[in-house]
Amino acid sequence: MIQIIAGEKGKGKTKILLDKVNADVLSAKGNIVYLDKSTKHMYELSNKVRLINVRDYCVDEPKEFLGFVCGLVSQDHDLEKVFLDSFLKIACTEDGDIAPVIEKLEMISNKFDVDFVISVSKNKDDLPEVAQKYVIVSL
């Protein structure tokens, strides 16, 4: 399953994402990972959530990002949810089309039963059709 929190920069998407991850960790049966562009939110996350700064791993293009996500999924068979903050930056899709990345995440989610919760700094109407159906919050 994919869920998207959409809205322009500064609208409060990260706060919603942090509240959701901290609520979900209480009922999670598996592991939860939070991917971000920095460790800025380390102290706002439950200590049961693994925070990963994607920029530490030389991810420079969408295919590398998807390989990084597949690596996470392959090494942790108990992985239940992946939260992706600042999606456009960590997935290296700021200047490109996010549709192929969303489609691949959907395939990964279905095949390995891992949920993805994504914050995207775009209005819902500016997202490609493949992504619009996953929007759960539009700010």
Protein backbone atom coordinates (compact mmCIF):
# COMPACT_ATOMS: atom_id res chain seq x y z
CA MET A 1 0.00 0.00 0.00
CA ILE A 2 1.14 3.50 -0.78
CA GLN A 3 -0.14 6.61 0.98
CA ILE A 4 0.80 10.15 -0.02
CA ILE A 5 0.67 13.35 1.99
CA ALA A 6 0.73 16.15 -0.58
CA GLY A 7 1.08 19.90 -0.29
CA GLU A 8 3.37 22.79 -1.00
CA LYS A 9 6.52 23.32 1.06
CA GLY A 10 5.84 24.64 4.56
CA LYS A 11 2.25 23.37 4.82
CA GLY A 12 2.91 20.87 7.64
CA LYS A 13 3.40 17.57 5.81
CA THR A 14 6.36 16.50 7.96
CA LYS A 15 4.40 17.06 11.18
CA ILE A 16 1.60 14.83 9.87
CA LEU A 17 4.15 12.21 8.77
CA LEU A 18 5.90 12.25 12.17
CA ASP A 19 2.56 11.93 14.01
CA LYS A 20 1.60 9.02 11.76
CA VAL A 21 4.88 7.13 12.20
CA ASN A 22 4.82 7.57 15.97
CA ALA A 23 1.19 6.37 16.11
CA ASP A 24 1.85 3.41 13.80
CA VAL A 25 4.85 2.22 15.80
CA LEU A 26 2.53 1.50 18.74
CA SER A 27 0.64 -1.18 16.79
CA ALA A 28 3.36 -2.35 14.40
CA LYS A 29 4.21 -6.03 14.37
CA GLY A 30 7.27 -5.50 12.18
CA ASN A 31 10.00 -2.91 11.70
CA ILE A 32 9.50 0.68 10.60
CA VAL A 33 12.03 2.81 8.72
CA TYR A 34 11.94 6.59 8.21
CA LEU A 35 13.90 7.89 5.21
CA ASP A 36 14.80 11.56 5.13
CA LYS A 37 17.33 14.00 3.68
CA SER A 38 18.87 14.66 7.12
CA THR A 39 18.72 13.52 10.75
CA LYS A 40 16.96 16.71 11.81
CA HIS A 41 13.87 14.86 13.10
CA MET A 42 15.77 12.21 15.08
CA TYR A 43 14.44 13.33 18.45
CA GLU A 44 10.86 13.61 17.22
CA LEU A 45 10.72 9.93 16.26
CA SER A 46 10.10 6.98 18.53
CA ASN A 47 13.31 5.12 19.33
CA LYS A 48 11.70 2.04 17.75
CA VAL A 49 11.86 3.70 14.30
CA ARG A 50 15.05 3.47 12.29
CA LEU A 51 15.92 6.87 10.80
CA ILE A 52 18.09 6.79 7.68
CA ASN A 53 19.60 9.86 6.07
CA VAL A 54 19.49 8.89 2.39
CA ARG A 55 22.05 11.55 1.49
CA ASP A 56 24.68 9.58 3.44
CA TYR A 57 24.47 6.80 0.83
CA CYS A 58 25.40 8.57 -2.43
CA VAL A 59 21.93 8.33 -3.97
CA ASP A 60 21.94 10.70 -6.96
CA GLU A 61 19.20 9.49 -9.30
CA PRO A 62 15.81 7.75 -9.15
CA LYS A 63 17.16 4.31 -10.12
CA GLU A 64 19.73 4.47 -7.33
CA PHE A 65 16.97 5.46 -4.90
CA LEU A 66 14.86 2.47 -5.93
CA GLY A 67 17.90 0.21 -5.55
CA PHE A 68 18.43 1.65 -2.08
CA VAL A 69 14.80 0.90 -1.15
CA CYS A 70 15.09 -2.63 -2.55
CA GLY A 71 18.22 -3.12 -0.45
CA LEU A 72 16.31 -2.12 2.67
CA VAL A 73 13.48 -4.50 1.84
CA SER A 74 15.83 -7.39 1.00
CA GLN A 75 17.83 -7.19 4.23
CA ASP A 76 14.86 -6.90 6.60
CA HIS A 77 12.15 -9.52 6.18
CA ASP A 78 10.29 -7.97 9.12
CA LEU A 79 10.04 -4.57 7.43
CA GLU A 80 6.43 -3.43 7.67
CA LYS A 81 6.42 0.28 6.75
CA VAL A 82 8.73 2.80 5.17
CA PHE A 83 8.06 6.50 5.70
CA LEU A 84 9.60 8.80 3.11
CA ASP A 85 9.93 12.47 4.02
CA SER A 86 11.04 15.03 1.42
CA PHE A 87 10.30 12.44 -1.26
CA LEU A 88 11.17 14.62 -4.25
CA LYS A 89 14.65 15.23 -2.83
CA ILE A 90 15.52 11.77 -1.52
CA ALA A 91 14.18 10.05 -4.67
CA CYS A 92 16.04 12.56 -6.88
CA THR A 93 12.85 13.47 -8.76
CA GLU A 94 12.68 17.22 -8.11
CA ASP A 95 13.08 18.03 -11.79
CA GLY A 96 11.56 14.89 -13.23
CA ASP A 97 8.50 12.72 -13.39
CA ILE A 98 7.69 10.85 -10.17
CA ALA A 99 5.27 8.44 -11.89
CA PRO A 100 7.88 5.74 -12.70
CA VAL A 101 9.20 5.82 -9.12
CA ILE A 102 5.68 5.58 -7.66
CA GLU A 103 4.88 2.67 -9.99
CA LYS A 104 8.03 0.81 -8.88
CA LEU A 105 7.26 1.47 -5.20
CA GLU A 106 3.78 0.08 -5.82
CA MET A 107 5.31 -3.10 -7.29
CA ILE A 108 7.73 -3.42 -4.34
CA SER A 109 4.88 -2.85 -1.90
CA ASN A 110 2.69 -5.52 -3.47
CA LYS A 111 5.44 -8.09 -3.89
CA PHE A 112 7.02 -7.77 -0.44
CA ASP A 113 4.03 -6.57 1.62
CA VAL A 114 5.71 -3.33 2.70
CA ASP A 115 3.69 -0.13 3.06
CA PHE A 116 5.07 3.23 1.94
CA VAL A 117 3.92 6.55 3.39
CA ILE A 118 5.27 9.47 1.39
CA SER A 119 5.33 13.25 1.82
CA VAL A 120 5.48 15.11 -1.49
CA SER A 121 5.99 18.87 -1.84
CA LYS A 122 3.42 19.31 -4.60
CA ASN A 123 -0.29 19.98 -4.67
CA LYS A 124 -2.45 16.95 -5.34
CA ASP A 125 -3.54 18.40 -8.70
CA ASP A 126 0.11 18.73 -9.80
CA LEU A 127 0.84 15.04 -9.18
CA PRO A 128 0.64 12.50 -12.01
CA GLU A 129 -2.55 10.48 -12.15
CA VAL A 130 -0.80 7.34 -10.87
CA ALA A 131 0.09 9.20 -7.66
CA GLN A 132 -3.16 11.11 -7.13
CA LYS A 133 -5.08 7.97 -6.21
CA TYR A 134 -2.78 7.44 -3.21
CA VAL A 135 -3.21 10.89 -1.66
CA ILE A 136 -4.63 10.58 1.87
CA VAL A 137 -3.92 14.18 2.95
CA SER A 138 -3.86 17.20 0.67
CA LEU A 139 -2.70 20.47 2.23
